[in-house]
C-alpha atoms as a PDB file:
ATOM      1  CA  MET A   1     127.550 198.393 -32.910  1.00  0.00           C
ATOM      2  CA  SER A   2     124.085 199.218 -31.668  1.00  0.00           C
ATOM      3  CA  ILE A   3     123.884 200.864 -28.230  1.00  0.00           C
ATOM      4  CA  PRO A   4     120.867 199.580 -26.250  1.00  0.00           C
ATOM      5  CA  TYR A   5     119.305 202.827 -25.036  1.00  0.00           C
ATOM      6  CA  LYS A   6     116.359 202.511 -22.685  1.00  0.00           C
ATOM      7  CA  LYS A   7     113.283 204.712 -22.446  1.00  0.00           C
ATOM      8  CA  LEU A   8     111.259 206.276 -19.669  1.00  0.00           C
ATOM      9  CA  SER A   9     108.190 208.422 -20.227  1.00  0.00           C
ATOM     10  CA  HIS A  10     110.240 211.615 -20.761  1.00  0.00           C
ATOM     11  CA  SER A  11     113.775 210.431 -21.349  1.00  0.00           C
ATOM     12  CA  VAL A  12     115.988 208.117 -23.331  1.00  0.00           C
ATOM     13  CA  TRP A  13     118.927 206.893 -21.291  1.00  0.00           C
ATOM     14  CA  LEU A  14     121.945 204.636 -20.965  1.00  0.00           C
ATOM     15  CA  CYS A  15     123.277 204.798 -17.402  1.00  0.00           C
ATOM     16  CA  THR A  16     125.545 201.891 -16.567  1.00  0.00           C
ATOM     17  CA  TYR A  17     127.781 201.901 -13.493  1.00  0.00           C
ATOM     18  CA  HIS A  18     130.631 199.742 -12.222  1.00  0.00           C
ATOM     19  CA  ILE A  19     130.194 199.603  -8.438  1.00  0.00           C
ATOM     20  CA  ILE A  20     132.450 197.993  -5.847  1.00  0.00           C
ATOM     21  CA  PHE A  21     131.641 197.672  -2.148  1.00  0.00           C
ATOM     22  CA  CYS A  22     132.968 195.562   0.693  1.00  0.00           C
ATOM     23  CA  PRO A  23     132.256 194.377   4.236  1.00  0.00           C
ATOM     24  CA  LYS A  24     133.763 196.305   7.130  1.00  0.00           C
ATOM     25  CA  TYR A  25     137.434 195.550   7.747  1.00  0.00           C
ATOM     26  CA  ARG A  26     137.481 193.580   4.445  1.00  0.00           C
ATOM     27  CA  TYR A  27     136.719 190.400   6.411  1.00  0.00           C
ATOM     28  CA  LYS A  28     136.329 187.409   4.094  1.00  0.00           C
ATOM     29  CA  VAL A  29     132.694 186.697   5.015  1.00  0.00           C
ATOM     30  CA  LEU A  30     131.160 186.429   1.534  1.00  0.00           C
ATOM     31  CA  GLU A  31     131.978 182.748   1.037  1.00  0.00           C
ATOM     32  CA  GLY A  32     129.825 179.651   0.641  1.00  0.00           C
ATOM     33  CA  LYS A  33     126.168 180.174   1.494  1.00  0.00           C
ATOM     34  CA  ALA A  34     126.702 183.897   2.090  1.00  0.00           C
ATOM     35  CA  GLU A  35     128.036 184.337  -1.456  1.00  0.00           C
ATOM     36  CA  VAL A  36     125.039 182.556  -2.979  1.00  0.00           C
ATOM     37  CA  LEU A  37     122.642 184.514  -0.760  1.00  0.00           C
ATOM     38  CA  VAL A  38     124.188 187.872  -1.715  1.00  0.00           C
ATOM     39  CA  ARG A  39     124.202 187.045  -5.432  1.00  0.00           C
ATOM     40  CA  ASN A  40     120.578 185.878  -5.457  1.00  0.00           C
ATOM     41  CA  GLU A  41     119.389 188.751  -3.270  1.00  0.00           C
ATOM     42  CA  LEU A  42     121.079 191.357  -5.503  1.00  0.00           C
ATOM     43  CA  TYR A  43     119.300 189.988  -8.569  1.00  0.00           C
ATOM     44  CA  LYS A  44     116.005 189.905  -6.674  1.00  0.00           C
ATOM     45  CA  LEU A  45     116.330 193.412  -5.216  1.00  0.00           C
ATOM     46  CA  CYS A  46     117.319 194.973  -8.534  1.00  0.00           C
ATOM     47  CA  GLY A  47     114.317 193.303 -10.127  1.00  0.00           C
ATOM     48  CA  HIS A  48     112.050 195.207  -7.707  1.00  0.00           C
ATOM     49  CA  LYS A  49     113.133 198.617  -9.024  1.00  0.00           C
ATOM     50  CA  ASP A  50     111.663 199.814 -12.302  1.00  0.00           C
ATOM     51  CA  GLN A  51     114.098 199.257 -15.223  1.00  0.00           C
ATOM     52  CA  MET A  52     117.081 198.530 -12.966  1.00  0.00           C
ATOM     53  CA  TYR A  53     119.198 195.556 -14.048  1.00  0.00           C
ATOM     54  CA  VAL A  54     122.265 193.663 -12.873  1.00  0.00           C
ATOM     55  CA  GLU A  55     124.327 193.258 -16.018  1.00  0.00           C
ATOM     56  CA  GLU A  56     127.351 191.591 -14.396  1.00  0.00           C
ATOM     57  CA  ILE A  57     128.080 190.481 -10.849  1.00  0.00           C
ATOM     58  CA  ASN A  58     131.158 189.088  -9.130  1.00  0.00           C
ATOM     59  CA  VAL A  59     130.955 188.243  -5.433  1.00  0.00           C
ATOM     60  CA  GLN A  60     134.393 187.654  -3.972  1.00  0.00           C
ATOM     61  CA  SER A  61     135.127 186.714  -0.380  1.00  0.00           C
ATOM     62  CA  ASP A  62     135.891 190.298   0.679  1.00  0.00           C
ATOM     63  CA  HIS A  63     134.177 192.544  -1.893  1.00  0.00           C
ATOM     64  CA  ILE A  64     131.509 192.712  -4.597  1.00  0.00           C
ATOM     65  CA  HIS A  65     131.754 193.998  -8.176  1.00  0.00           C
ATOM     66  CA  LEU A  66     128.502 195.010  -9.853  1.00  0.00           C
ATOM     67  CA  ILE A  67     127.705 196.416 -13.249  1.00  0.00           C
ATOM     68  CA  LEU A  68     124.278 197.962 -12.809  1.00  0.00           C
ATOM     69  CA  SER A  69     121.994 199.704 -15.230  1.00  0.00           C
ATOM     70  CA  ILE A  70     120.229 202.371 -13.142  1.00  0.00           C
ATOM     71  CA  PRO A  71     117.571 204.691 -14.604  1.00  0.00           C
ATOM     72  CA  PRO A  72     118.187 208.428 -14.175  1.00  0.00           C
ATOM     73  CA  LYS A  73     115.211 208.762 -11.834  1.00  0.00           C
ATOM     74  CA  TYR A  74     117.307 207.048  -9.110  1.00  0.00           C
ATOM     75  CA  SER A  75     120.598 208.341  -7.739  1.00  0.00           C
ATOM     76  CA  VAL A  76     123.489 205.919  -7.320  1.00  0.00           C
ATOM     77  CA  SER A  77     123.808 206.827  -3.630  1.00  0.00           C
ATOM     78  CA  GLU A  78     120.098 206.164  -3.054  1.00  0.00           C
ATOM     79  CA  ILE A  79     120.360 202.744  -4.716  1.00  0.00           C
ATOM     80  CA  MET A  80     123.539 201.825  -2.837  1.00  0.00           C
ATOM     81  CA  GLY A  81     122.026 202.775   0.521  1.00  0.00           C
ATOM     82  CA  TRP A  82     118.948 200.716  -0.279  1.00  0.00           C
ATOM     83  CA  LEU A  83     120.904 197.684  -1.562  1.00  0.00           C
ATOM     84  CA  LYS A  84     123.387 197.623   1.302  1.00  0.00           C
ATOM     85  CA  GLY A  85     120.617 198.024   3.874  1.00  0.00           C
ATOM     86  CA  LYS A  86     118.445 195.237   2.460  1.00  0.00           C
ATOM     87  CA  LEU A  87     121.436 192.929   1.992  1.00  0.00           C
ATOM     88  CA  ALA A  88     122.583 193.497   5.581  1.00  0.00           C
ATOM     89  CA  ILE A  89     119.135 192.653   6.965  1.00  0.00           C
ATOM     90  CA  LYS A  90     118.960 189.462   4.890  1.00  0.00           C
ATOM     91  CA  LEU A  91     122.519 188.390   5.739  1.00  0.00           C
ATOM     92  CA  PHE A  92     121.989 188.826   9.485  1.00  0.00           C
ATOM     93  CA  GLN A  93     118.705 186.880   9.287  1.00  0.00           C
ATOM     94  CA  GLU A  94     120.212 183.976   7.359  1.00  0.00           C
ATOM     95  CA  GLN A  95     123.801 183.933   8.665  1.00  0.00           C
ATOM     96  CA  LYS A  96     123.560 184.079  12.472  1.00  0.00           C
ATOM     97  CA  ALA A  97     127.343 183.758  12.896  1.00  0.00           C
ATOM     98  CA  LEU A  98     127.810 187.228  11.384  1.00  0.00           C
ATOM     99  CA  SER A  99     126.258 188.804  14.498  1.00  0.00           C
ATOM    100  CA  ARG A 100     129.322 187.801  16.541  1.00  0.00           C
ATOM    101  CA  GLN A 101     131.745 189.309  14.035  1.00  0.00           C
ATOM    102  CA  TYR A 102     129.687 192.422  13.237  1.00  0.00           C
ATOM    103  CA  TRP A 103     128.004 193.715  16.369  1.00  0.00           C
ATOM    104  CA  GLY A 104     125.496 196.507  15.888  1.00  0.00           C
ATOM    105  CA  ARG A 105     124.188 194.890  12.681  1.00  0.00           C
ATOM    106  CA  HIS A 106     126.532 196.928  10.471  1.00  0.00           C
ATOM    107  CA  ILE A 107     128.214 194.661   7.935  1.00  0.00           C
ATOM    108  CA  TRP A 108     129.141 196.999   5.076  1.00  0.00           C
ATOM    109  CA  ALA A 109     131.941 199.550   5.024  1.00  0.00           C
ATOM    110  CA  ARG A 110     130.580 203.083   4.773  1.00  0.00           C
ATOM    111  CA  GLY A 111     131.555 203.899   1.230  1.00  0.00           C
ATOM    112  CA  TYR A 112     131.664 202.337  -2.194  1.00  0.00           C
ATOM    113  CA  CYS A 113     133.504 202.879  -5.458  1.00  0.00           C
ATOM    114  CA  VAL A 114     131.506 203.831  -8.532  1.00  0.00           C
ATOM    115  CA  SER A 115     132.459 204.713 -12.075  1.00  0.00           C
ATOM    116  CA  THR A 116     130.381 205.166 -15.169  1.00  0.00           C
ATOM    117  CA  VAL A 117     130.729 202.539 -17.847  1.00  0.00           C
ATOM    118  CA  GLY A 118     130.738 203.925 -21.338  1.00  0.00           C
ATOM    119  CA  ILE A 119     132.852 203.204 -24.362  1.00  0.00           C
ATOM    120  CA  ASP A 120     135.203 201.010 -22.284  1.00  0.00           C
ATOM    121  CA  GLU A 121     132.371 198.813 -21.031  1.00  0.00           C
ATOM    122  CA  ASP A 122     133.905 195.705 -22.634  1.00  0.00           C
ATOM    123  CA  LYS A 123     137.174 196.282 -20.770  1.00  0.00           C
ATOM    124  CA  VAL A 124     135.308 196.563 -17.459  1.00  0.00           C
ATOM    125  CA  ARG A 125     133.285 193.427 -18.195  1.00  0.00           C
ATOM    126  CA  LYS A 126     136.480 191.508 -19.048  1.00  0.00           C
ATOM    127  CA  TYR A 127     138.085 192.752 -15.816  1.00  0.00           C
ATOM    128  CA  VAL A 128     135.105 191.621 -13.700  1.00  0.00           C
ATOM    129  CA  LYS A 129     135.130 188.183 -15.352  1.00  0.00           C
ATOM    130  CA  TRP A 130     138.939 187.955 -15.117  1.00  0.00           C
ATOM    131  CA  SER A 131     138.931 188.819 -11.414  1.00  0.00           C
ATOM    132  CA  GLN A 132     136.339 186.118 -10.768  1.00  0.00           C
ATOM    133  CA  GLU A 133     138.409 183.525 -12.658  1.00  0.00           C
ATOM    134  CA  LYS A 134     141.512 184.606 -10.731  1.00  0.00           C
ATOM    135  CA  GLU A 135     139.611 184.260  -7.431  1.00  0.00           C
ATOM    136  CA  GLN A 136     138.435 180.753  -8.377  1.00  0.00           C
ATOM    137  CA  GLN A 137     141.977 179.640  -9.249  1.00  0.00           C
ATOM    138  CA  GLY A 138     143.107 180.540  -5.747  1.00  0.00           C
END
């Protein structure tokens, strides 16, 4: 099995993270148009950063699973702050009803869950896909 290492000018790296974050109070607001908006915006935002890729994504009604490849020149906390901030701005612009539920323009819970994905990457990928299938079944 060949491991797809990536290269920067002074480093060779493989930094893949499983990240989970959710809206405040775990309200089920990521449904319908909001789900599509979040999914598309995450792909677009990650495309703006140099060598950062969304490898897997699962947007559920009350949380988001991401498998991101992040180069070592960025910290995970820096990327999460940037992603959550940009997503919040876009969601409040496009989904006016959210302003009634989330006053102060704060949609995301403060923290997030992150773990590195290494040898067990296939298990994490299967879990993300399984949880999406489970969500779709009801």
